[in-house]
Amino acid sequence: MPDFKIRPAAPADIPAITEIYAEAVRHGTATFELTPPDAGEMRRRFESLRDGNFPYLVAEADGHIAGYAYAGPYRPRPAYRFTVENSVYLSPASHRRGIGLALLTELIAQCAARGYRQMIAVIGDSANAGSIGVHARAGFDMIGTHPKVGFKFGRWLDTVMMQRALGEGGRTTPE
């Protein structure tokens, strides 16, 4: 039995989400942002996704937010309206506990229930074996790598693209 629970994110979670993301910005390559956004900006992003009816989840463990995940629009043009892009971030102490996979699995289920047909993962840094592995375990296929498209920490970074069908995927016409 997992020692954490997945639930919808709430405005009260924004400080913890902001802290987790700031750590990823300052020390990781999962995001290509260079300066951590403040809590006000993170709240604006959260509200924008929530108002757009996109799922935004947190994992709670030991009374703390251990990680979060959300889906948002893949691209703004209307033809992409059935495709979402996912994001998953964990606190450093929460890695390798199954939390990332649990968040991603629930995110997939919620996106499929909302009628989305494809989910795209844009993974920062082709050396990010943990994220690539979690996405593969969740049914994503590798679709390509954009070599040396980001520059962070004094080095060029790739992005890895992975994709997973949701529900009927592209087999039927969406309603």
N, C-alpha and C. Protein backbone atom coordinates (compact mmCIF):
# COMPACT_ATOMS: atom_id res chain seq x y z
N MET A 1 0.86 -1.19 0.00
CA MET A 1 0.00 0.00 0.00
C MET A 1 0.89 1.24 0.00
N PRO A 2 0.63 2.18 -0.91
CA PRO A 2 1.48 3.37 -0.97
C PRO A 2 1.35 4.20 0.30
N ASP A 3 2.42 4.90 0.63
CA ASP A 3 2.42 5.78 1.80
C ASP A 3 2.16 7.22 1.40
N PHE A 4 1.37 7.39 0.34
CA PHE A 4 1.02 8.72 -0.15
C PHE A 4 -0.36 8.64 -0.77
N LYS A 5 -0.96 9.80 -0.97
CA LYS A 5 -2.26 9.84 -1.66
C LYS A 5 -2.21 10.92 -2.73
N ILE A 6 -2.95 10.67 -3.80
CA ILE A 6 -3.06 11.60 -4.92
C ILE A 6 -4.41 12.29 -4.78
N ARG A 7 -4.41 13.60 -4.94
CA ARG A 7 -5.66 14.36 -4.85
C ARG A 7 -5.56 15.58 -5.77
N PRO A 8 -6.70 16.21 -6.06
CA PRO A 8 -6.65 17.45 -6.83
C PRO A 8 -5.88 18.53 -6.07
N ALA A 9 -5.11 19.30 -6.76
CA ALA A 9 -4.39 20.41 -6.14
C ALA A 9 -5.39 21.49 -5.75
N ALA A 10 -5.03 22.20 -4.68
CA ALA A 10 -5.86 23.29 -4.18
C ALA A 10 -5.01 24.55 -4.07
N PRO A 11 -5.63 25.72 -4.02
CA PRO A 11 -4.85 26.94 -3.87
C PRO A 11 -3.89 26.91 -2.68
N ALA A 12 -4.27 26.24 -1.61
CA ALA A 12 -3.41 26.16 -0.43
C ALA A 12 -2.11 25.39 -0.70
N ASP A 13 -2.07 24.63 -1.79
CA ASP A 13 -0.87 23.85 -2.14
C ASP A 13 0.17 24.68 -2.89
N ILE A 14 -0.20 25.89 -3.31
CA ILE A 14 0.69 26.68 -4.16
C ILE A 14 2.06 26.93 -3.53
N PRO A 15 2.17 27.25 -2.24
CA PRO A 15 3.52 27.45 -1.67
C PRO A 15 4.41 26.21 -1.82
N ALA A 16 3.88 25.03 -1.56
CA ALA A 16 4.68 23.80 -1.69
C ALA A 16 5.01 23.52 -3.15
N ILE A 17 4.05 23.73 -4.04
CA ILE A 17 4.29 23.54 -5.47
C ILE A 17 5.38 24.51 -5.94
N THR A 18 5.30 25.74 -5.48
CA THR A 18 6.30 26.75 -5.84
C THR A 18 7.69 26.33 -5.39
N GLU A 19 7.78 25.80 -4.19
CA GLU A 19 9.07 25.35 -3.65
C GLU A 19 9.63 24.17 -4.44
N ILE A 20 8.79 23.20 -4.76
CA ILE A 20 9.24 22.04 -5.55
C ILE A 20 9.73 22.50 -6.92
N TYR A 21 8.97 23.37 -7.55
CA TYR A 21 9.36 23.83 -8.89
C TYR A 21 10.63 24.67 -8.83
N ALA A 22 10.76 25.51 -7.82
CA ALA A 22 11.97 26.33 -7.68
C ALA A 22 13.21 25.46 -7.57
N GLU A 23 13.11 24.38 -6.85
CA GLU A 23 14.23 23.43 -6.73
C GLU A 23 14.58 22.85 -8.10
N ALA A 24 13.55 22.49 -8.87
CA ALA A 24 13.78 21.94 -10.21
C ALA A 24 14.42 22.97 -11.13
N VAL A 25 14.00 24.22 -11.02
CA VAL A 25 14.57 25.28 -11.86
C VAL A 25 16.03 25.52 -11.49
N ARG A 26 16.29 25.64 -10.19
CA ARG A 26 17.64 25.97 -9.72
C ARG A 26 18.66 24.85 -9.90
N HIS A 27 18.20 23.60 -9.78
CA HIS A 27 19.17 22.50 -9.72
C HIS A 27 18.97 21.40 -10.76
N GLY A 28 17.91 21.47 -11.54
CA GLY A 28 17.63 20.38 -12.47
C GLY A 28 17.49 20.82 -13.91
N THR A 29 17.33 19.83 -14.75
CA THR A 29 17.16 20.10 -16.19
C THR A 29 15.81 19.62 -16.71
N ALA A 30 14.89 19.29 -15.80
CA ALA A 30 13.55 18.89 -16.23
C ALA A 30 12.79 20.07 -16.82
N THR A 31 13.13 21.26 -16.37
CA THR A 31 12.55 22.48 -16.93
C THR A 31 13.68 23.35 -17.47
N PHE A 32 13.38 24.07 -18.51
CA PHE A 32 14.39 24.96 -19.09
C PHE A 32 14.21 26.40 -18.61
N GLU A 33 13.33 26.62 -17.63
CA GLU A 33 13.27 27.95 -17.02
C GLU A 33 14.58 28.17 -16.27
N LEU A 34 15.01 29.41 -16.21
CA LEU A 34 16.28 29.75 -15.57
C LEU A 34 16.10 30.46 -14.24
N THR A 35 14.95 31.10 -14.06
CA THR A 35 14.65 31.81 -12.83
C THR A 35 13.35 31.27 -12.27
N PRO A 36 13.35 30.82 -11.01
CA PRO A 36 12.11 30.28 -10.45
C PRO A 36 11.02 31.34 -10.35
N PRO A 37 9.82 31.04 -10.82
CA PRO A 37 8.71 31.97 -10.67
C PRO A 37 8.28 32.06 -9.21
N ASP A 38 7.73 33.19 -8.83
CA ASP A 38 7.26 33.34 -7.45
C ASP A 38 5.89 32.69 -7.29
N ALA A 39 5.41 32.69 -6.05
CA ALA A 39 4.12 32.04 -5.76
C ALA A 39 2.97 32.68 -6.52
N GLY A 40 3.03 33.99 -6.73
CA GLY A 40 1.97 34.66 -7.49
C GLY A 40 1.88 34.15 -8.92
N GLU A 41 3.02 33.99 -9.55
CA GLU A 41 3.04 33.46 -10.92
C GLU A 41 2.59 32.00 -10.95
N MET A 42 3.03 31.22 -9.96
CA MET A 42 2.61 29.81 -9.92
C MET A 42 1.11 29.71 -9.69
N ARG A 43 0.56 30.61 -8.88
CA ARG A 43 -0.90 30.63 -8.68
C ARG A 43 -1.60 30.99 -9.98
N ARG A 44 -1.08 31.97 -10.72
CA ARG A 44 -1.68 32.35 -12.00
C ARG A 44 -1.69 31.16 -12.96
N ARG A 45 -0.58 30.43 -13.04
CA ARG A 45 -0.49 29.25 -13.91
C ARG A 45 -1.49 28.18 -13.48
N PHE A 46 -1.56 27.93 -12.17
CA PHE A 46 -2.50 26.96 -11.61
C PHE A 46 -3.94 27.33 -11.98
N GLU A 47 -4.30 28.59 -11.74
CA GLU A 47 -5.67 29.03 -12.01
C GLU A 47 -6.01 28.97 -13.49
N SER A 48 -5.05 29.27 -14.34
CA SER A 48 -5.27 29.21 -15.78
C SER A 48 -5.59 27.77 -16.21
N LEU A 49 -4.84 26.82 -15.70
CA LEU A 49 -5.10 25.41 -16.03
C LEU A 49 -6.42 24.94 -15.44
N ARG A 50 -6.65 25.27 -14.19
CA ARG A 50 -7.90 24.87 -13.54
C ARG A 50 -9.10 25.48 -14.27
N ASP A 51 -9.00 26.76 -14.62
CA ASP A 51 -10.11 27.42 -15.33
C ASP A 51 -10.32 26.82 -16.72
N GLY A 52 -9.28 26.24 -17.32
CA GLY A 52 -9.39 25.57 -18.61
C GLY A 52 -9.83 24.13 -18.50
N ASN A 53 -10.19 23.69 -17.29
CA ASN A 53 -10.65 22.32 -17.00
C ASN A 53 -9.57 21.27 -17.25
N PHE A 54 -8.34 21.63 -17.01
CA PHE A 54 -7.25 20.66 -17.09
C PHE A 54 -6.98 20.10 -15.69
N PRO A 55 -6.62 18.83 -15.59
CA PRO A 55 -6.34 18.27 -14.27
C PRO A 55 -5.01 18.77 -13.71
N TYR A 56 -5.01 19.02 -12.40
CA TYR A 56 -3.82 19.46 -11.68
C TYR A 56 -3.85 18.71 -10.35
N LEU A 57 -2.87 17.87 -10.12
CA LEU A 57 -2.86 16.94 -9.00
C LEU A 57 -1.67 17.16 -8.09
N VAL A 58 -1.81 16.77 -6.84
CA VAL A 58 -0.68 16.71 -5.92
C VAL A 58 -0.63 15.33 -5.29
N ALA A 59 0.58 14.94 -4.89
CA ALA A 59 0.77 13.74 -4.08
C ALA A 59 1.12 14.22 -2.68
N GLU A 60 0.39 13.72 -1.72
CA GLU A 60 0.62 14.09 -0.33
C GLU A 60 1.22 12.89 0.40
N ALA A 61 2.34 13.10 1.07
CA ALA A 61 3.00 12.04 1.82
C ALA A 61 3.51 12.62 3.14
N ASP A 62 3.25 11.93 4.21
CA ASP A 62 3.74 12.37 5.52
C ASP A 62 3.32 13.80 5.84
N GLY A 63 2.12 14.18 5.42
CA GLY A 63 1.60 15.51 5.70
C GLY A 63 2.18 16.63 4.86
N HIS A 64 2.96 16.28 3.84
CA HIS A 64 3.58 17.29 2.98
C HIS A 64 3.27 16.98 1.52
N ILE A 65 3.40 18.00 0.68
CA ILE A 65 3.26 17.80 -0.76
C ILE A 65 4.57 17.23 -1.27
N ALA A 66 4.51 16.01 -1.79
CA ALA A 66 5.70 15.30 -2.27
C ALA A 66 5.94 15.55 -3.75
N GLY A 67 4.90 15.95 -4.47
CA GLY A 67 5.03 16.19 -5.90
C GLY A 67 3.72 16.66 -6.47
N TYR A 68 3.78 17.03 -7.72
CA TYR A 68 2.56 17.48 -8.38
C TYR A 68 2.66 17.16 -9.88
N ALA A 69 1.51 17.15 -10.51
CA ALA A 69 1.43 16.87 -11.95
C ALA A 69 0.23 17.61 -12.51
N TYR A 70 0.37 18.01 -13.75
CA TYR A 70 -0.75 18.65 -14.41
C TYR A 70 -0.65 18.40 -15.90
N ALA A 71 -1.78 18.62 -16.57
CA ALA A 71 -1.82 18.60 -18.03
C ALA A 71 -2.29 19.97 -18.48
N GLY A 72 -1.81 20.36 -19.64
CA GLY A 72 -2.21 21.62 -20.23
C GLY A 72 -2.24 21.48 -21.74
N PRO A 73 -2.60 22.55 -22.41
CA PRO A 73 -2.66 22.48 -23.87
C PRO A 73 -1.30 22.15 -24.47
N TYR A 74 -1.29 21.28 -25.45
CA TYR A 74 -0.03 20.97 -26.14
C TYR A 74 0.40 22.15 -27.00
N ARG A 75 -0.51 22.70 -27.76
CA ARG A 75 -0.27 23.88 -28.60
C ARG A 75 -1.58 24.68 -28.63
N PRO A 76 -1.52 25.98 -28.91
CA PRO A 76 -2.73 26.80 -28.82
C PRO A 76 -3.69 26.69 -30.01
N ARG A 77 -3.24 26.21 -31.14
CA ARG A 77 -4.14 26.18 -32.31
C ARG A 77 -5.25 25.14 -32.13
N PRO A 78 -6.44 25.42 -32.65
CA PRO A 78 -7.61 24.57 -32.38
C PRO A 78 -7.47 23.11 -32.81
N ALA A 79 -6.70 22.84 -33.83
CA ALA A 79 -6.57 21.45 -34.28
C ALA A 79 -5.91 20.56 -33.21
N TYR A 80 -5.22 21.18 -32.27
CA TYR A 80 -4.56 20.43 -31.19
C TYR A 80 -5.44 20.25 -29.96
N ARG A 81 -6.70 20.61 -30.02
CA ARG A 81 -7.56 20.65 -28.84
C ARG A 81 -7.76 19.31 -28.15
N PHE A 82 -7.45 18.21 -28.80
CA PHE A 82 -7.60 16.89 -28.18
C PHE A 82 -6.27 16.33 -27.68
N THR A 83 -5.24 17.16 -27.70
CA THR A 83 -3.90 16.73 -27.28
C THR A 83 -3.44 17.60 -26.11
N VAL A 84 -2.91 16.94 -25.08
CA VAL A 84 -2.39 17.64 -23.90
C VAL A 84 -0.92 17.32 -23.73
N GLU A 85 -0.24 18.21 -23.01
CA GLU A 85 1.15 17.99 -22.61
C GLU A 85 1.16 17.83 -21.10
N ASN A 86 1.93 16.87 -20.61
CA ASN A 86 1.97 16.64 -19.16
C ASN A 86 3.23 17.20 -18.54
N SER A 87 3.14 17.46 -17.24
CA SER A 87 4.28 17.87 -16.42
C SER A 87 4.18 17.16 -15.08
N VAL A 88 5.31 16.65 -14.59
CA VAL A 88 5.36 15.99 -13.29
C VAL A 88 6.63 16.46 -12.59
N TYR A 89 6.48 16.93 -11.36
CA TYR A 89 7.63 17.38 -10.56
C TYR A 89 7.53 16.79 -9.16
N LEU A 90 8.65 16.35 -8.63
CA LEU A 90 8.71 15.76 -7.30
C LEU A 90 9.72 16.51 -6.44
N SER A 91 9.47 16.53 -5.14
CA SER A 91 10.48 17.05 -4.23
C SER A 91 11.66 16.08 -4.25
N PRO A 92 12.87 16.56 -4.00
CA PRO A 92 14.04 15.67 -4.06
C PRO A 92 13.91 14.43 -3.17
N ALA A 93 13.28 14.56 -2.01
CA ALA A 93 13.15 13.42 -1.09
C ALA A 93 12.11 12.40 -1.56
N SER A 94 11.35 12.74 -2.62
CA SER A 94 10.25 11.87 -3.04
C SER A 94 10.57 11.03 -4.27
N HIS A 95 11.77 11.12 -4.76
CA HIS A 95 12.14 10.31 -5.92
C HIS A 95 12.24 8.84 -5.54
N ARG A 96 11.97 7.99 -6.53
CA ARG A 96 12.11 6.53 -6.40
C ARG A 96 11.21 5.90 -5.34
N ARG A 97 10.02 6.51 -5.18
CA ARG A 97 9.02 5.95 -4.25
C ARG A 97 7.74 5.57 -4.96
N GLY A 98 7.72 5.70 -6.29
CA GLY A 98 6.52 5.39 -7.06
C GLY A 98 5.55 6.54 -7.17
N ILE A 99 5.91 7.68 -6.61
CA ILE A 99 5.00 8.83 -6.60
C ILE A 99 4.84 9.41 -8.00
N GLY A 100 5.94 9.55 -8.73
CA GLY A 100 5.86 10.11 -10.08
C GLY A 100 4.98 9.26 -10.99
N LEU A 101 5.15 7.95 -10.94
CA LEU A 101 4.32 7.06 -11.77
C LEU A 101 2.86 7.13 -11.34
N ALA A 102 2.60 7.19 -10.04
CA ALA A 102 1.22 7.28 -9.56
C ALA A 102 0.57 8.59 -10.02
N LEU A 103 1.30 9.69 -9.92
CA LEU A 103 0.77 10.96 -10.39
C LEU A 103 0.48 10.91 -11.89
N LEU A 104 1.42 10.38 -12.66
CA LEU A 104 1.25 10.32 -14.11
C LEU A 104 0.09 9.40 -14.49
N THR A 105 -0.04 8.28 -13.81
CA THR A 105 -1.13 7.33 -14.09
C THR A 105 -2.49 7.98 -13.84
N GLU A 106 -2.62 8.69 -12.73
CA GLU A 106 -3.88 9.37 -12.43
C GLU A 106 -4.13 10.51 -13.42
N LEU A 107 -3.08 11.21 -13.80
CA LEU A 107 -3.22 12.29 -14.77
C LEU A 107 -3.72 11.74 -16.11
N ILE A 108 -3.17 10.62 -16.54
CA ILE A 108 -3.61 9.97 -17.77
C ILE A 108 -5.10 9.63 -17.69
N ALA A 109 -5.51 9.03 -16.58
CA ALA A 109 -6.91 8.65 -16.41
C ALA A 109 -7.83 9.87 -16.46
N GLN A 110 -7.43 10.95 -15.79
CA GLN A 110 -8.28 12.14 -15.77
C GLN A 110 -8.35 12.81 -17.14
N CYS A 111 -7.24 12.81 -17.86
CA CYS A 111 -7.26 13.40 -19.20
C CYS A 111 -8.12 12.57 -20.15
N ALA A 112 -8.02 11.26 -20.07
CA ALA A 112 -8.85 10.40 -20.92
C ALA A 112 -10.33 10.61 -20.60
N ALA A 113 -10.66 10.74 -19.31
CA ALA A 113 -12.05 10.96 -18.91
C ALA A 113 -12.59 12.30 -19.42
N ARG A 114 -11.72 13.25 -19.64
CA ARG A 114 -12.12 14.56 -20.16
C ARG A 114 -12.18 14.57 -21.69
N GLY A 115 -11.88 13.46 -22.33
CA GLY A 115 -12.01 13.35 -23.77
C GLY A 115 -10.76 13.67 -24.57
N TYR A 116 -9.65 13.88 -23.90
CA TYR A 116 -8.40 14.10 -24.64
C TYR A 116 -7.97 12.79 -25.28
N ARG A 117 -7.28 12.86 -26.41
CA ARG A 117 -6.92 11.66 -27.17
C ARG A 117 -5.44 11.36 -27.23
N GLN A 118 -4.59 12.35 -26.99
CA GLN A 118 -3.15 12.13 -27.02
C GLN A 118 -2.51 12.92 -25.88
N MET A 119 -1.44 12.35 -25.32
CA MET A 119 -0.67 13.05 -24.31
C MET A 119 0.78 13.07 -24.76
N ILE A 120 1.38 14.26 -24.71
CA ILE A 120 2.77 14.46 -25.11
C ILE A 120 3.60 14.76 -23.86
N ALA A 121 4.74 14.15 -23.79
CA ALA A 121 5.72 14.47 -22.75
C ALA A 121 6.92 15.12 -23.43
N VAL A 122 7.26 16.32 -22.97
CA VAL A 122 8.46 17.00 -23.45
C VAL A 122 9.43 16.96 -22.28
N ILE A 123 10.38 16.05 -22.35
CA ILE A 123 11.28 15.79 -21.23
C ILE A 123 12.59 16.54 -21.44
N GLY A 124 12.88 17.41 -20.50
CA GLY A 124 14.13 18.16 -20.56
C GLY A 124 15.30 17.25 -20.26
N ASP A 125 16.29 17.26 -21.13
CA ASP A 125 17.56 16.56 -20.95
C ASP A 125 17.43 15.06 -21.25
N SER A 126 18.05 14.64 -22.32
CA SER A 126 18.00 13.23 -22.72
C SER A 126 18.69 12.33 -21.70
N ALA A 127 19.43 12.90 -20.75
CA ALA A 127 20.04 12.11 -19.68
C ALA A 127 19.08 11.89 -18.51
N ASN A 128 17.86 12.38 -18.60
CA ASN A 128 16.89 12.25 -17.52
C ASN A 128 16.24 10.86 -17.58
N ALA A 129 17.02 9.86 -17.23
CA ALA A 129 16.57 8.46 -17.33
C ALA A 129 15.36 8.19 -16.44
N GLY A 130 15.27 8.85 -15.29
CA GLY A 130 14.14 8.62 -14.40
C GLY A 130 12.82 9.00 -15.06
N SER A 131 12.75 10.19 -15.63
CA SER A 131 11.52 10.64 -16.28
C SER A 131 11.21 9.83 -17.53
N ILE A 132 12.22 9.54 -18.31
CA ILE A 132 12.00 8.72 -19.50
C ILE A 132 11.47 7.35 -19.11
N GLY A 133 12.04 6.76 -18.06
CA GLY A 133 11.60 5.45 -17.60
C GLY A 133 10.18 5.46 -17.06
N VAL A 134 9.83 6.47 -16.29
CA VAL A 134 8.46 6.58 -15.76
C VAL A 134 7.46 6.71 -16.90
N HIS A 135 7.78 7.54 -17.88
CA HIS A 135 6.87 7.68 -19.02
C HIS A 135 6.75 6.38 -19.81
N ALA A 136 7.84 5.67 -20.00
CA ALA A 136 7.78 4.39 -20.70
C ALA A 136 6.91 3.40 -19.93
N ARG A 137 7.06 3.35 -18.60
CA ARG A 137 6.24 2.45 -17.79
C ARG A 137 4.76 2.84 -17.85
N ALA A 138 4.48 4.11 -18.11
CA ALA A 138 3.09 4.56 -18.21
C ALA A 138 2.54 4.42 -19.63
N GLY A 139 3.28 3.78 -20.51
CA GLY A 139 2.77 3.49 -21.85
C GLY A 139 3.14 4.48 -22.93
N PHE A 140 4.06 5.38 -22.65
CA PHE A 140 4.50 6.35 -23.66
C PHE A 140 5.53 5.71 -24.58
N ASP A 141 5.49 6.12 -25.83
CA ASP A 141 6.49 5.71 -26.81
C ASP A 141 7.42 6.88 -27.10
N MET A 142 8.66 6.55 -27.36
CA MET A 142 9.63 7.56 -27.77
C MET A 142 9.28 7.99 -29.18
N ILE A 143 9.18 9.30 -29.40
CA ILE A 143 8.88 9.78 -30.75
C ILE A 143 9.99 10.64 -31.32
N GLY A 144 10.96 11.01 -30.49
CA GLY A 144 12.08 11.77 -31.05
C GLY A 144 12.83 12.56 -30.01
N THR A 145 13.93 13.10 -30.45
CA THR A 145 14.77 13.95 -29.61
C THR A 145 15.13 15.20 -30.39
N HIS A 146 15.00 16.32 -29.73
CA HIS A 146 15.46 17.59 -30.30
C HIS A 146 16.84 17.85 -29.68
N PRO A 147 17.90 17.64 -30.45
CA PRO A 147 19.24 17.79 -29.86
C PRO A 147 19.62 19.24 -29.64
N LYS A 148 20.21 19.48 -28.47
CA LYS A 148 20.84 20.75 -28.15
C LYS A 148 19.95 21.97 -28.42
N VAL A 149 18.72 21.93 -27.90
CA VAL A 149 17.79 23.04 -28.11
C VAL A 149 17.70 23.98 -26.91
N GLY A 150 18.23 23.56 -25.76
CA GLY A 150 18.22 24.40 -24.57
C GLY A 150 19.63 24.57 -24.05
N PHE A 151 19.89 25.71 -23.41
CA PHE A 151 21.21 25.97 -22.83
C PHE A 151 21.02 26.37 -21.38
N LYS A 152 21.50 25.52 -20.48
CA LYS A 152 21.33 25.73 -19.04
C LYS A 152 22.52 25.13 -18.33
N PHE A 153 22.95 25.77 -17.27
CA PHE A 153 24.10 25.31 -16.48
C PHE A 153 25.35 25.20 -17.33
N GLY A 154 25.50 26.09 -18.31
CA GLY A 154 26.70 26.14 -19.13
C GLY A 154 26.84 25.02 -20.15
N ARG A 155 25.72 24.35 -20.44
CA ARG A 155 25.80 23.27 -21.43
C ARG A 155 24.51 23.18 -22.24
N TRP A 156 24.65 22.59 -23.42
CA TRP A 156 23.51 22.36 -24.30
C TRP A 156 22.74 21.14 -23.81
N LEU A 157 21.42 21.23 -23.89
CA LEU A 157 20.54 20.14 -23.46
C LEU A 157 19.57 19.77 -24.57
N ASP A 158 19.26 18.49 -24.63
CA ASP A 158 18.27 17.96 -25.57
C ASP A 158 16.89 18.01 -24.91
N THR A 159 15.86 17.87 -25.70
CA THR A 159 14.54 17.51 -25.18
C THR A 159 14.13 16.21 -25.85
N VAL A 160 13.52 15.37 -25.05
CA VAL A 160 13.03 14.08 -25.52
C VAL A 160 11.52 14.18 -25.63
N MET A 161 11.00 13.72 -26.74
CA MET A 161 9.55 13.74 -26.97
C MET A 161 9.02 12.31 -26.86
N MET A 162 7.98 12.16 -26.03
CA MET A 162 7.30 10.87 -25.89
C MET A 162 5.80 11.13 -26.03
N GLN A 163 5.07 10.09 -26.46
CA GLN A 163 3.64 10.26 -26.72
C GLN A 163 2.89 9.01 -26.30
N ARG A 164 1.66 9.24 -25.85
CA ARG A 164 0.79 8.13 -25.45
C ARG A 164 -0.63 8.45 -25.89
N ALA A 165 -1.30 7.46 -26.48
CA ALA A 165 -2.71 7.61 -26.82
C ALA A 165 -3.53 7.57 -25.55
N LEU A 166 -4.62 8.31 -25.55
CA LEU A 166 -5.59 8.31 -24.45
C LEU A 166 -6.92 7.81 -25.00
N GLY A 167 -7.58 6.94 -24.29
CA GLY A 167 -8.87 6.42 -24.75
C GLY A 167 -8.75 5.81 -26.13
N GLU A 168 -9.57 6.27 -27.05
CA GLU A 168 -9.54 5.77 -28.43
C GLU A 168 -8.38 6.31 -29.25
N GLY A 169 -7.63 7.25 -28.67
CA GLY A 169 -6.51 7.80 -29.41
C GLY A 169 -6.96 8.35 -30.75
N GLY A 170 -6.20 8.02 -31.78
CA GLY A 170 -6.53 8.49 -33.12
C GLY A 170 -7.32 7.49 -33.93
N ARG A 171 -7.87 6.45 -33.29
CA ARG A 171 -8.59 5.42 -34.03
C ARG A 171 -9.99 5.84 -34.45
N THR A 172 -10.58 6.80 -33.71
CA THR A 172 -11.92 7.24 -34.03
C THR A 172 -11.98 8.78 -34.05
N THR A 173 -13.04 9.30 -34.60
CA THR A 173 -13.24 10.74 -34.64
C THR A 173 -13.76 11.22 -33.29
N PRO A 174 -13.14 12.24 -32.70
CA PRO A 174 -13.64 12.73 -31.43
C PRO A 174 -14.99 13.43 -31.60
N GLU A 175 -15.74 13.47 -30.52
CA GLU A 175 -17.06 14.12 -30.56
C GLU A 175 -16.98 15.50 -29.99
